[in-house]
Amino acid sequence: MKKIKIGETDLNVAPINLGGNVFGWTLDEKKSFEILDAFTDKGFNFIDTADMYSYWVDGGEGGQSETIIGNWLKKSGKRNDIVLATKVGGETGVHPVDTSKKHILEAVDKSLQRLQTDHIDLYYTHFDDEKTPVEETLEAYDEIIKAGKVRYIAASNISPDRLEASFAASEKNGLPKYQALQPHYNLLERADYEAKYAPLADKYNLTVFPYWSLASGFLTGKYRSEDDLGKSVRGDSVKKYLNEKGLGVLKALDQVSEKHNTTQATVSLAWLMAQTHIGAPIASATSERHLGTLFEAPKLKLDQEDLQLLDKASK
């Protein structure tokens, strides 16, 4: 399987990034282990989580996902085979968005303890509090990189201006640079990334790992009317897509998936992979059947007719 090099790092990842947000939320530890085993047994090596997952279950600090992944890493012995990404700074039930040095230095140790590892391969600024000087945030990262706790850093929900300021501060002060970007990007959410962030990915050689790649499951095609919203705990979050554009995208996905004898989800991920700068779309799975649709995506090569049809429907 062809691997993707992340930015200017020595990290090489398979073209699907397994989202760990469901671990400790819709999946218990036993089922999570089954998903992680099946994913890695197929040669995929990139796992994404965050310190805040899944605080919404009990309104606490979070950490359930990291804990499950840590237990799995210990049981499986696969830590050296995995590129492990987690995040800091997100809001939970007990603390607000925080990218201060104090918070980062405390949070990284908690993540390492839960993950049962001595280092994190890719550490994201999950959300930006927009008040901590970017230099302070980067100085914290510099400290934990030098301590061997983190290898490289990346950015997720940061404004274009603050992202630019971060690169300027890195250059001026010899501080670590973000190597990857994790934006909200999929067939139904294109405008913000393509207008504001794609030029920065190009300028700074950022590898892009889109989250909500399947629009909370809408792009799987299982939500066609309001009657379908009760099919999962995510139903309410896709109601906004039940409009002319959303249904038009599903129609295009139906056409392309039928042509290639595959699923709408596989086509949606293949479309992302065909876009410039995209490394590995992030997608979660709650069953081995779901994983199968992810595994097929890197094999599917959409032709120009497919891409034009999807582009027209999703603009």
Protein backbone atom coordinates (compact mmCIF):
# COMPACT_ATOMS: atom_id res chain seq x y z
CA MET A 1 0.00 0.00 0.00
CA LYS A 2 1.40 3.38 -1.00
CA LYS A 3 2.14 5.59 2.01
CA ILE A 4 1.87 9.36 2.24
CA LYS A 5 4.67 11.45 3.74
CA ILE A 6 3.39 14.04 6.22
CA GLY A 7 4.73 17.51 5.44
CA GLU A 8 8.47 17.73 6.04
CA THR A 9 8.48 14.88 8.57
CA ASP A 10 9.69 11.31 8.41
CA LEU A 11 6.17 10.03 9.15
CA ASN A 12 4.59 7.91 6.43
CA VAL A 13 0.94 6.95 6.68
CA ALA A 14 -1.55 4.80 4.82
CA PRO A 15 -4.24 6.75 2.95
CA ILE A 16 -7.04 6.33 5.51
CA ASN A 17 -6.90 7.89 8.98
CA LEU A 18 -9.04 6.00 11.51
CA GLY A 19 -11.07 8.40 13.63
CA GLY A 20 -11.10 7.50 17.31
CA ASN A 21 -14.02 9.71 18.31
CA VAL A 22 -16.36 6.70 18.53
CA PHE A 23 -14.17 4.82 21.02
CA GLY A 24 -15.78 5.16 24.42
CA TRP A 25 -18.84 6.76 22.88
CA THR A 26 -20.77 4.51 20.51
CA LEU A 27 -18.28 1.66 20.90
CA ASP A 28 -17.20 -0.01 24.12
CA GLU A 29 -13.64 -1.19 24.64
CA LYS A 30 -14.18 -4.71 23.31
CA LYS A 31 -15.72 -3.53 20.05
CA SER A 32 -13.14 -0.76 19.73
CA PHE A 33 -10.37 -3.37 19.97
CA GLU A 34 -12.04 -5.36 17.17
CA ILE A 35 -12.12 -2.29 14.92
CA LEU A 36 -8.50 -1.38 15.69
CA ASP A 37 -7.35 -4.96 15.04
CA ALA A 38 -9.21 -5.19 11.73
CA PHE A 39 -7.93 -1.78 10.60
CA THR A 40 -4.29 -2.49 11.32
CA ASP A 41 -4.44 -6.09 10.08
CA LYS A 42 -5.11 -4.65 6.61
CA GLY A 43 -1.89 -2.63 6.73
CA PHE A 44 -3.37 0.74 7.74
CA ASN A 45 -1.31 2.53 10.37
CA PHE A 46 -2.75 5.99 11.13
CA ILE A 47 -4.97 6.52 14.18
CA ASP A 48 -6.49 9.86 15.19
CA THR A 49 -7.92 10.79 18.56
CA ALA A 50 -8.09 13.75 20.97
CA ASP A 51 -7.81 14.31 24.69
CA MET A 52 -11.40 15.63 24.75
CA TYR A 53 -12.99 12.48 23.25
CA SER A 54 -15.57 11.51 24.58
CA TYR A 55 -16.30 14.10 27.28
CA TRP A 56 -19.87 14.51 26.02
CA VAL A 57 -20.73 11.05 27.33
CA ASP A 58 -20.53 12.19 30.96
CA GLY A 59 -19.68 15.90 30.75
CA GLY A 60 -16.25 15.24 32.22
CA GLU A 61 -12.69 15.81 31.11
CA GLY A 62 -12.73 13.29 28.30
CA GLY A 63 -9.93 10.85 27.66
CA GLN A 64 -12.07 7.76 27.11
CA SER A 65 -10.87 7.33 23.52
CA GLU A 66 -7.20 7.76 24.43
CA THR A 67 -7.60 5.29 27.29
CA ILE A 68 -9.10 2.63 25.02
CA ILE A 69 -6.41 3.15 22.38
CA GLY A 70 -3.73 2.96 25.09
CA ASN A 71 -5.13 -0.31 26.38
CA TRP A 72 -5.22 -1.66 22.84
CA LEU A 73 -1.64 -0.58 22.12
CA LYS A 74 -0.48 -2.36 25.27
CA LYS A 75 -2.41 -5.54 24.46
CA SER A 76 -1.56 -5.64 20.75
CA GLY A 77 2.08 -4.62 20.99
CA LYS A 78 1.64 -2.55 17.81
CA ARG A 79 2.84 0.84 19.04
CA ASN A 80 5.90 0.84 16.77
CA ASP A 81 3.69 0.08 13.75
CA ILE A 82 1.33 2.99 14.39
CA VAL A 83 1.45 6.70 13.59
CA LEU A 84 -0.48 8.07 16.54
CA ALA A 85 -2.15 11.48 16.47
CA THR A 86 -3.95 13.21 19.29
CA LYS A 87 -4.98 16.77 20.09
CA VAL A 88 -4.93 19.41 22.81
CA GLY A 89 -6.86 22.59 23.50
CA GLY A 90 -10.44 21.51 22.91
CA GLU A 91 -13.33 22.40 25.17
CA THR A 92 -14.68 19.74 27.51
CA GLY A 93 -17.30 19.67 30.20
CA VAL A 94 -14.78 20.88 32.78
CA HIS A 95 -12.47 23.31 30.94
CA PRO A 96 -12.72 25.78 28.05
CA VAL A 97 -10.67 25.97 24.87
CA ASP A 98 -7.12 26.57 26.05
CA THR A 99 -3.86 26.79 24.09
CA SER A 100 -1.76 28.26 26.88
CA LYS A 101 1.66 26.82 27.66
CA LYS A 102 0.52 25.77 31.12
CA HIS A 103 -2.41 23.79 29.75
CA ILE A 104 -0.41 22.11 26.97
CA LEU A 105 2.35 21.00 29.35
CA GLU A 106 -0.22 19.48 31.69
CA ALA A 107 -2.39 17.95 28.97
CA VAL A 108 0.40 16.19 27.08
CA ASP A 109 1.41 14.21 30.17
CA LYS A 110 -2.19 13.13 30.75
CA SER A 111 -2.49 12.02 27.12
CA LEU A 112 0.75 10.05 27.29
CA GLN A 113 -0.42 8.33 30.44
CA ARG A 114 -3.78 7.38 28.93
CA LEU A 115 -2.19 6.25 25.67
CA GLN A 116 0.44 4.24 27.57
CA THR A 117 3.23 5.48 25.34
CA ASP A 118 6.29 7.68 25.74
CA HIS A 119 5.64 9.81 22.65
CA ILE A 120 2.93 11.16 20.38
CA ASP A 121 3.78 11.20 16.68
CA LEU A 122 1.53 14.08 15.62
CA TYR A 123 0.11 16.52 18.18
CA TYR A 124 -2.62 18.89 17.04
CA THR A 125 -3.77 22.26 18.24
CA HIS A 126 -7.40 21.10 18.29
CA PHE A 127 -9.04 24.50 18.80
CA ASP A 128 -7.47 27.93 19.22
CA ASP A 129 -8.46 30.09 22.20
CA GLU A 130 -7.50 33.11 20.03
CA LYS A 131 -6.02 34.95 23.01
CA THR A 132 -2.85 33.02 23.87
CA PRO A 133 0.04 34.47 21.84
CA VAL A 134 0.95 32.00 19.10
CA GLU A 135 4.56 32.23 20.29
CA GLU A 136 3.52 30.87 23.71
CA THR A 137 1.73 27.91 22.17
CA LEU A 138 4.68 27.11 19.93
CA GLU A 139 7.14 27.48 22.83
CA ALA A 140 5.16 24.84 24.70
CA TYR A 141 5.41 22.55 21.70
CA ASP A 142 9.13 23.25 21.43
CA GLU A 143 9.58 22.18 25.04
CA ILE A 144 7.69 18.90 24.72
CA ILE A 145 9.35 18.07 21.39
CA LYS A 146 12.78 18.57 22.94
CA ALA A 147 11.69 16.38 25.86
CA GLY A 148 10.82 13.59 23.39
CA LYS A 149 7.13 13.59 24.28
CA VAL A 150 5.96 14.75 20.84
CA ARG A 151 7.57 14.30 17.44
CA TYR A 152 5.70 16.79 15.24
CA ILE A 153 2.84 19.27 15.51
CA ALA A 154 -0.20 20.01 13.40
CA ALA A 155 -3.20 22.35 13.40
CA SER A 156 -6.94 21.83 13.22
CA ASN A 157 -9.47 24.55 14.01
CA ILE A 158 -7.33 27.66 13.67
CA SER A 159 -8.25 30.79 11.71
CA PRO A 160 -6.23 31.53 8.57
CA ASP A 161 -4.79 34.67 10.20
CA ARG A 162 -3.63 32.81 13.30
CA LEU A 163 -2.22 30.01 11.15
CA GLU A 164 -0.21 32.54 9.14
CA ALA A 165 0.94 34.20 12.38
CA SER A 166 2.06 30.83 13.71
CA PHE A 167 4.27 30.19 10.70
CA ALA A 168 5.73 33.69 10.95
CA ALA A 169 6.53 33.11 14.63
CA SER A 170 8.08 29.72 13.89
CA GLU A 171 10.31 31.25 11.25
CA LYS A 172 11.31 34.27 13.34
CA ASN A 173 11.97 32.44 16.59
CA GLY A 174 13.20 29.05 15.41
CA LEU A 175 10.15 27.29 16.83
CA PRO A 176 8.48 24.11 15.55
CA LYS A 177 6.28 24.41 12.47
CA TYR A 178 2.90 22.83 11.87
CA GLN A 179 3.29 19.96 9.44
CA ALA A 180 -0.33 19.06 8.77
CA LEU A 181 -3.79 20.58 8.76
CA GLN A 182 -7.03 18.93 9.85
CA PRO A 183 -9.96 20.95 8.45
CA HIS A 184 -13.68 20.32 8.10
CA TYR A 185 -13.87 19.28 4.46
CA ASN A 186 -16.07 16.98 2.41
CA LEU A 187 -18.36 17.02 -0.62
CA LEU A 188 -20.92 19.12 1.25
CA GLU A 189 -18.49 21.41 3.09
CA ARG A 190 -16.14 22.80 0.49
CA ALA A 191 -16.20 26.58 0.37
CA ASP A 192 -14.39 27.43 3.61
CA TYR A 193 -11.47 25.05 3.11
CA GLU A 194 -11.02 25.64 -0.61
CA ALA A 195 -11.10 29.45 -0.33
CA LYS A 196 -9.24 30.02 2.93
CA TYR A 197 -7.08 27.01 3.76
CA ALA A 198 -6.08 25.26 0.54
CA PRO A 199 -3.82 28.21 -0.43
CA LEU A 200 -2.10 27.95 2.97
CA ALA A 201 -1.65 24.19 2.60
CA ASP A 202 0.09 24.93 -0.70
CA LYS A 203 2.17 27.79 0.71
CA TYR A 204 3.42 25.90 3.76
CA ASN A 205 3.55 22.35 2.38
CA LEU A 206 0.89 21.09 4.77
CA THR A 207 -0.52 17.60 4.37
CA VAL A 208 -4.29 17.78 4.83
CA PHE A 209 -6.34 15.26 6.82
CA PRO A 210 -10.02 16.24 6.54
CA TYR A 211 -12.36 15.49 9.42
CA TRP A 212 -16.06 14.69 9.02
CA SER A 213 -15.06 13.28 5.63
CA LEU A 214 -18.47 11.60 5.33
CA ALA A 215 -20.46 14.57 6.72
CA SER A 216 -21.38 12.72 9.94
CA GLY A 217 -22.56 9.78 7.85
CA PHE A 218 -24.79 11.67 5.42
CA LEU A 219 -22.49 10.83 2.49
CA THR A 220 -23.00 7.12 3.11
CA GLY A 221 -26.46 7.58 1.62
CA LYS A 222 -28.38 6.17 4.57
CA TYR A 223 -30.16 9.44 5.35
CA ARG A 224 -32.63 10.28 2.58
CA SER A 225 -35.48 11.83 4.57
CA GLU A 226 -36.30 12.97 8.07
CA ASP A 227 -37.67 9.49 8.74
CA ASP A 228 -34.07 8.21 8.48
CA LEU A 229 -32.63 10.52 11.14
CA GLY A 230 -33.32 8.06 13.93
CA LYS A 231 -30.99 5.49 12.40
CA SER A 232 -28.05 6.58 14.56
CA VAL A 233 -27.00 8.97 17.34
CA ARG A 234 -25.66 11.27 14.62
CA GLY A 235 -29.04 11.67 12.94
CA ASP A 236 -29.74 15.15 14.23
CA SER A 237 -26.40 16.45 12.96
CA VAL A 238 -27.20 15.57 9.33
CA LYS A 239 -30.68 17.09 9.20
CA LYS A 240 -29.16 20.29 7.77
CA TYR A 241 -28.08 18.36 4.65
CA LEU A 242 -31.60 17.26 3.74
CA ASN A 243 -31.99 19.98 1.14
CA GLU A 244 -31.70 20.36 -2.61
CA LYS A 245 -27.91 20.43 -2.59
CA GLY A 246 -27.54 17.49 -0.22
CA LEU A 247 -29.95 15.30 -2.11
CA GLY A 248 -28.28 16.35 -5.37
CA VAL A 249 -24.91 15.18 -4.05
CA LEU A 250 -26.47 11.86 -3.02
CA LYS A 251 -27.88 11.46 -6.51
CA ALA A 252 -24.42 12.00 -8.01
CA LEU A 253 -22.90 9.57 -5.50
CA ASP A 254 -25.55 6.99 -6.38
CA GLN A 255 -24.64 7.31 -10.05
CA VAL A 256 -20.87 7.04 -9.53
CA SER A 257 -21.10 4.23 -6.97
CA GLU A 258 -23.35 2.21 -9.27
CA LYS A 259 -20.93 2.73 -12.14
CA HIS A 260 -18.02 1.37 -10.08
CA ASN A 261 -20.06 -1.22 -8.17
CA THR A 262 -19.11 0.28 -4.83
CA THR A 263 -20.64 2.34 -2.02
CA GLN A 264 -21.41 6.05 -1.70
CA ALA A 265 -19.02 6.27 1.25
CA THR A 266 -16.17 4.78 -0.76
CA VAL A 267 -16.80 7.26 -3.60
CA SER A 268 -16.93 10.18 -1.15
CA LEU A 269 -13.54 9.25 0.31
CA ALA A 270 -12.05 8.61 -3.15
CA TRP A 271 -13.18 12.10 -4.19
CA LEU A 272 -11.32 13.59 -1.23
CA MET A 273 -8.21 11.58 -2.06
CA ALA A 274 -8.27 13.01 -5.57
CA GLN A 275 -7.99 16.57 -4.26
CA THR A 276 -4.67 18.41 -4.03
CA HIS A 277 -2.80 18.20 -0.69
CA ILE A 278 -5.14 15.59 0.80
CA GLY A 279 -3.19 12.93 2.67
CA ALA A 280 -5.60 10.58 4.42
CA PRO A 281 -9.26 11.43 5.05
CA ILE A 282 -10.36 10.77 8.62
CA ALA A 283 -13.27 8.38 8.97
CA SER A 284 -14.58 6.38 11.89
CA ALA A 285 -16.17 2.94 11.77
CA THR A 286 -18.46 1.10 14.14
CA SER A 287 -18.45 -2.26 12.36
CA GLU A 288 -16.20 -4.30 10.11
CA ARG A 289 -18.70 -3.69 7.32
CA HIS A 290 -18.08 0.04 7.69
CA LEU A 291 -14.34 -0.61 7.63
CA GLY A 292 -14.76 -2.43 4.32
CA THR A 293 -15.99 0.77 2.67
CA LEU A 294 -12.92 2.59 3.97
CA PHE A 295 -10.54 -0.09 2.73
CA GLU A 296 -11.96 0.14 -0.80
CA ALA A 297 -11.48 3.90 -1.13
CA PRO A 298 -7.73 3.93 -1.89
CA LYS A 299 -8.33 1.33 -4.63
CA LEU A 300 -10.98 3.40 -6.40
CA LYS A 301 -9.65 5.76 -9.07
CA LEU A 302 -12.34 8.17 -10.18
CA ASP A 303 -12.16 9.31 -13.80
CA GLN A 304 -12.69 12.86 -15.05
CA GLU A 305 -16.35 12.20 -15.77
CA ASP A 306 -16.88 11.08 -12.16
CA LEU A 307 -15.00 14.04 -10.72
CA GLN A 308 -16.85 16.55 -12.89
CA LEU A 309 -20.23 15.10 -11.91
CA LEU A 310 -19.42 15.23 -8.21
CA ASP A 311 -17.87 18.67 -8.52
CA LYS A 312 -20.94 20.09 -10.22
CA ALA A 313 -23.35 18.60 -7.68
CA SER A 314 -21.35 19.75 -4.67
CA LYS A 315 -20.51 23.34 -5.66
